[in-house]
């Protein structure tokens, strides 16, 4: 029996990529421009990081991070290395051949006591050294040694006194109740999720990360401002501690593309995609958690204090425009949103410890995720180490190691990690067309993009409502456990069902079957069982006794109703828009140079629009394929 326990990535559980891989860290070029005599608002804004400007040199940050890990005696730093890759930012490589189950990287979860002869007494006794933890836990503010780790003890006292853990939202299983589907003009607003979100622990870990980042930058700015005639006495009167995780937070990217940080205008490009609705609910949740925390004046004051000039000398030298390490954001709200999104993307949950401890694991989260590469396994050892192990096939020395932390669908990956799987399969297949004329054209020459990592939550209650009260149909629904919490015997309500063409790899043997017969092969088996039960038990509907009810006809109506959510534009229009944006992006590379920040902001927005277009296109194409396939099945039965 294995001595390791399983470990899952937290699902409270960077930009559009041309492969099915995601980078945990991104590498960006530092802005190389100068301003002369900034005044007024411009002077104030230079205190903060300008968008897409790399404020801390990535190469130096990576070196400091590796030195920090070595200072914590991370033994596997001798067998693995972190480097900048060509397409995926920073990644982890192995320095020697690894066989199956070999450890690639390992960090301790808590403090470690090391025995050493260095510094031993004359009597020959060994000295004992305590190493601070590498992992950042969600409850770090509640620890007695929080000040030693770089946190203000006053902040810890506020957390305990105000009992924030009981005021935050707790564990949320996003309600997938479809009760609103009884109104034809109103779709169910709530989507299902198989991964509960512990918003309390996510918020508290985000606060810890946010404080470490603020303190790290505040400390660095103070050091930069302190000259030969600096007021050392005044400076030392402030909190005299350094943030333990400074090297880690310095390496974290500011620009995160998870949907939580998209603007309302950018989310609108997803049209009525369920994943867009889910992102809006996440944004609302984070706003509510922020209000709970920062409506407390004492807590807000402690955080705002780190953003203020620290001495009179600071104010004077700021006016002299000495170049300082900028803050990431201008407001605490922006900082909290970034920290929350970062925790969602990076944190691990340990089911075996304290009902699922949530923590950030520096170093472990640098190893990238890949859909079609050999994977590593993350495990928890009996010695409270969290480690990355090679799986079948192992790794050759000098190759990049991956572990599979991201959602296998593009929508889920975009929601929390900020990328999509762009398989870009081009198929000459009529199922994807909007109408008969386009089908005929497709048979001749046209090819269309088919995304093989698409997952949609579809609503079925509105279409099946007349059959759900049938005793045997209702019994089947109960047996499958697909009734929503608000469901009653008189008014059954179904949960949403998954429509998915996701496979383990783009070349999985089941991919061809899902392409050729998507209506039955991509739909949830539970929904398929229900419509087949209706076909078997309810030959005709009570309201329209002349209409034969078949599983194909019911599925076609469900797909048609879901497809209507995207009625604002057609597949052909989206393809045209996508081609135009690609042309525009290609043109900007050769265009006259414009202001650096404006240019980067525009390019980031354009790339997010491309991601949104590709995602909604993949969902439309899958729905259209299922809709047409179901129609073909009906024609064959006739």
Foldseek 3Di string as FASTA:
>chain_A
DDQWDAWAFAQLQEFADQFQWAFQFAAADADDDDDPQDDDPRLVCLQADFPRHLLDHQVVLQVVLLVLVVVLVFPLCVFKDWDQDDGHGIFMFGAAFAAFFDFNGKFFAAKDKDWAQVPPDPVSGTDIDIGGGQWFFLCLLCDPCSVQQPDDVVLSVCCVVVVLLVVADAKDQFFQFAVVLQDVVDGRLTAGDPGISGVSSLLSSLVVLLSLQLQLQLVQQVVLLADPPRPVVLVCVPSPHHHSCSSVSSRGDLDHQALLPDDPVLLCLLQLASLSSVSVVVVVSLVVSCCSQPVPPVNVVVSVVSVDQRDPSSVVVSSVVDNGSHHHDDDPSSSSSSSSLSQSQAWIWDCVPPNTIIIGRPPVSRHMAGLPDQAWGWIAGPSNMITTGGRHPTDHRPDTHHHHRFDLAQSRCRNRHHYGRQPFDKDLALLQDDDDVVSVVSVPDDIDTADQRHKGWFAQCSLCFQPCLPVVLVVLCVVVVFFGPVADSVGTTGGTWMQHNGDSDPVDPCNVVCQVQVLPSRTDPSLLVSQQVCLVPPQAGPVDRVDGRHSLVSSLVRLVSVLVSVVPDDLVVLVVVLVVLVVVVVVVVVDDDDDPSVVVVVVSSSSSSNSSSVRSSNVNSSSSSNNVSSVVVVVVVD
